[in-house]
Amino acid sequence: MRVRIALTVNDEAREALVPVHKTLLEVLREDLGLTGTKHGCELGECGTCTVLVDGEPVLSSPSAGTAPPAFS
């Protein structure tokens, strides 16, 4: 199943149709082509995948329970 999401990245409105299992990191890199967010340890320990969501730092990697799916 896919869902349409709308988000603002760097003050630019964007939309994407993405599978429900994707993480925010995957959506940013794979669907929106924004490769500035990096894969790191994939455990949420190193902070490499950190992005700001509503001004707050959030881990965007697929780590167990720490990264919200892109459209939760």
N, C-alpha and C. Protein backbone atom coordinates (compact mmCIF):
# COMPACT_ATOMS: atom_id res chain seq x y z
N MET A 1 0.84 -1.18 0.00
CA MET A 1 0.00 0.00 0.00
C MET A 1 0.89 1.25 0.00
N ARG A 2 0.46 2.23 -0.72
CA ARG A 2 1.16 3.52 -0.78
C ARG A 2 0.25 4.62 -0.25
N VAL A 3 0.87 5.65 0.28
CA VAL A 3 0.14 6.82 0.75
C VAL A 3 0.80 8.06 0.17
N ARG A 4 0.00 9.07 -0.04
CA ARG A 4 0.53 10.36 -0.50
C ARG A 4 0.84 11.18 0.73
N ILE A 5 2.06 11.71 0.78
CA ILE A 5 2.45 12.56 1.90
C ILE A 5 2.82 13.94 1.36
N ALA A 6 2.63 14.92 2.18
CA ALA A 6 3.02 16.29 1.86
C ALA A 6 3.89 16.79 3.01
N LEU A 7 5.02 17.36 2.68
CA LEU A 7 5.91 17.89 3.69
C LEU A 7 6.66 19.08 3.14
N THR A 8 7.21 19.87 4.03
CA THR A 8 8.01 21.01 3.64
C THR A 8 9.45 20.72 4.03
N VAL A 9 10.33 20.80 3.06
CA VAL A 9 11.75 20.54 3.28
C VAL A 9 12.53 21.76 2.82
N ASN A 10 13.28 22.35 3.74
CA ASN A 10 14.06 23.56 3.43
C ASN A 10 13.18 24.64 2.80
N ASP A 11 12.02 24.86 3.41
CA ASP A 11 11.05 25.88 2.98
C ASP A 11 10.45 25.62 1.61
N GLU A 12 10.52 24.40 1.11
CA GLU A 12 9.94 24.05 -0.18
C GLU A 12 8.90 22.94 0.02
N ALA A 13 7.67 23.19 -0.43
CA ALA A 13 6.62 22.18 -0.31
C ALA A 13 6.89 21.03 -1.26
N ARG A 14 6.72 19.83 -0.75
CA ARG A 14 6.95 18.63 -1.56
C ARG A 14 5.85 17.62 -1.30
N GLU A 15 5.62 16.77 -2.29
CA GLU A 15 4.66 15.66 -2.15
C GLU A 15 5.31 14.41 -2.70
N ALA A 16 4.91 13.27 -2.14
CA ALA A 16 5.43 11.99 -2.63
C ALA A 16 4.39 10.91 -2.37
N LEU A 17 4.37 9.93 -3.23
CA LEU A 17 3.54 8.74 -3.06
C LEU A 17 4.49 7.63 -2.65
N VAL A 18 4.40 7.19 -1.40
CA VAL A 18 5.41 6.27 -0.86
C VAL A 18 4.76 5.05 -0.20
N PRO A 19 5.46 3.92 -0.21
CA PRO A 19 4.98 2.74 0.51
C PRO A 19 4.91 3.04 2.02
N VAL A 20 3.96 2.45 2.70
CA VAL A 20 3.75 2.74 4.11
C VAL A 20 4.89 2.27 5.01
N HIS A 21 5.72 1.37 4.55
CA HIS A 21 6.81 0.85 5.39
C HIS A 21 8.07 1.70 5.36
N LYS A 22 8.13 2.71 4.52
CA LYS A 22 9.35 3.52 4.40
C LYS A 22 9.55 4.42 5.61
N THR A 23 10.82 4.63 5.95
CA THR A 23 11.16 5.56 7.03
C THR A 23 11.34 6.95 6.44
N LEU A 24 11.44 7.92 7.30
CA LEU A 24 11.69 9.29 6.87
C LEU A 24 13.01 9.38 6.11
N LEU A 25 14.03 8.70 6.57
CA LEU A 25 15.32 8.69 5.89
C LEU A 25 15.18 8.18 4.46
N GLU A 26 14.46 7.10 4.27
CA GLU A 26 14.28 6.53 2.94
C GLU A 26 13.49 7.46 2.03
N VAL A 27 12.46 8.08 2.56
CA VAL A 27 11.66 9.01 1.76
C VAL A 27 12.51 10.20 1.33
N LEU A 28 13.25 10.77 2.26
CA LEU A 28 14.09 11.93 1.92
C LEU A 28 15.11 11.58 0.84
N ARG A 29 15.80 10.47 1.00
CA ARG A 29 16.88 10.11 0.08
C ARG A 29 16.37 9.51 -1.23
N GLU A 30 15.48 8.52 -1.13
CA GLU A 30 15.08 7.75 -2.30
C GLU A 30 13.95 8.39 -3.10
N ASP A 31 12.97 8.94 -2.42
CA ASP A 31 11.80 9.47 -3.12
C ASP A 31 11.93 10.95 -3.47
N LEU A 32 12.61 11.70 -2.62
CA LEU A 32 12.76 13.13 -2.86
C LEU A 32 14.14 13.50 -3.40
N GLY A 33 15.07 12.55 -3.43
CA GLY A 33 16.39 12.80 -3.97
C GLY A 33 17.25 13.73 -3.11
N LEU A 34 16.92 13.82 -1.83
CA LEU A 34 17.66 14.70 -0.92
C LEU A 34 18.67 13.87 -0.15
N THR A 35 19.87 13.80 -0.68
CA THR A 35 20.87 12.90 -0.13
C THR A 35 21.75 13.52 0.95
N GLY A 36 21.40 14.69 1.41
CA GLY A 36 22.15 15.32 2.49
C GLY A 36 22.00 14.58 3.80
N THR A 37 20.87 13.94 4.01
CA THR A 37 20.66 13.11 5.19
C THR A 37 21.34 11.78 4.93
N LYS A 38 22.18 11.34 5.85
CA LYS A 38 23.02 10.18 5.62
C LYS A 38 22.58 8.96 6.42
N HIS A 39 22.89 7.79 5.84
CA HIS A 39 22.81 6.54 6.59
C HIS A 39 24.04 6.50 7.48
N GLY A 40 23.87 6.13 8.70
CA GLY A 40 25.03 5.98 9.59
C GLY A 40 25.05 4.58 10.13
N CYS A 41 24.89 4.46 11.41
CA CYS A 41 24.97 3.17 12.07
C CYS A 41 23.69 2.35 11.89
N GLU A 42 22.61 2.98 11.47
CA GLU A 42 21.29 2.38 11.32
C GLU A 42 20.72 1.86 12.65
N LEU A 43 21.30 2.29 13.75
CA LEU A 43 20.81 1.92 15.08
C LEU A 43 20.32 3.14 15.86
N GLY A 44 20.52 4.33 15.31
CA GLY A 44 20.12 5.54 16.00
C GLY A 44 21.08 5.96 17.08
N GLU A 45 22.30 5.46 17.05
CA GLU A 45 23.28 5.78 18.09
C GLU A 45 24.24 6.90 17.70
N CYS A 46 24.56 7.02 16.42
CA CYS A 46 25.60 7.97 16.02
C CYS A 46 25.06 9.36 15.69
N GLY A 47 23.78 9.48 15.36
CA GLY A 47 23.18 10.78 15.06
C GLY A 47 23.35 11.26 13.63
N THR A 48 24.01 10.49 12.78
CA THR A 48 24.23 10.89 11.40
C THR A 48 22.93 11.15 10.65
N CYS A 49 21.88 10.44 11.00
CA CYS A 49 20.60 10.53 10.29
C CYS A 49 19.67 11.60 10.86
N THR A 50 20.15 12.43 11.76
CA THR A 50 19.30 13.42 12.42
C THR A 50 18.80 14.48 11.44
N VAL A 51 17.51 14.76 11.51
CA VAL A 51 16.88 15.83 10.75
C VAL A 51 16.02 16.64 11.71
N LEU A 52 15.63 17.83 11.31
CA LEU A 52 14.74 18.64 12.13
C LEU A 52 13.31 18.46 11.66
N VAL A 53 12.43 18.13 12.60
CA VAL A 53 11.00 18.01 12.33
C VAL A 53 10.31 19.01 13.23
N ASP A 54 9.70 20.02 12.63
CA ASP A 54 9.08 21.12 13.38
C ASP A 54 10.08 21.74 14.36
N GLY A 55 11.34 21.86 13.90
CA GLY A 55 12.36 22.51 14.70
C GLY A 55 13.03 21.63 15.73
N GLU A 56 12.62 20.39 15.85
CA GLU A 56 13.18 19.47 16.84
C GLU A 56 14.00 18.38 16.16
N PRO A 57 15.17 18.02 16.71
CA PRO A 57 15.97 16.96 16.11
C PRO A 57 15.29 15.59 16.27
N VAL A 58 15.25 14.84 15.17
CA VAL A 58 14.62 13.52 15.14
C VAL A 58 15.54 12.60 14.35
N LEU A 59 15.71 11.36 14.82
CA LEU A 59 16.47 10.38 14.07
C LEU A 59 15.59 9.85 12.95
N SER A 60 16.12 9.85 11.73
CA SER A 60 15.31 9.44 10.59
C SER A 60 15.66 8.04 10.08
N SER A 61 16.55 7.35 10.76
CA SER A 61 16.97 6.02 10.32
C SER A 61 15.95 4.96 10.73
N PRO A 62 16.09 3.77 10.16
CA PRO A 62 15.14 2.70 10.48
C PRO A 62 15.48 1.97 11.77
N SER A 63 16.04 2.65 12.74
CA SER A 63 16.40 2.00 14.00
C SER A 63 15.17 1.58 14.78
N ALA A 64 15.33 0.59 15.57
CA ALA A 64 14.21 -0.03 16.30
C ALA A 64 13.54 0.95 17.26
N GLY A 65 12.37 1.42 16.86
CA GLY A 65 11.54 2.22 17.74
C GLY A 65 11.95 3.68 17.91
N THR A 66 13.04 4.14 17.32
CA THR A 66 13.44 5.53 17.53
C THR A 66 13.08 6.44 16.39
N ALA A 67 12.92 5.90 15.21
CA ALA A 67 12.63 6.74 14.06
C ALA A 67 11.17 6.57 13.64
N PRO A 68 10.45 7.68 13.56
CA PRO A 68 9.06 7.56 13.13
C PRO A 68 8.99 7.28 11.63
N PRO A 69 8.02 6.46 11.19
CA PRO A 69 7.81 6.36 9.76
C PRO A 69 7.50 7.74 9.22
N ALA A 70 7.68 7.94 7.96
CA ALA A 70 7.52 9.26 7.36
C ALA A 70 6.11 9.80 7.50
N PHE A 71 5.15 8.95 7.70
CA PHE A 71 3.76 9.39 7.69
C PHE A 71 2.96 8.81 8.82
N SER A 72 3.55 8.72 10.00
CA SER A 72 2.80 8.19 11.14
C SER A 72 1.92 9.27 11.73
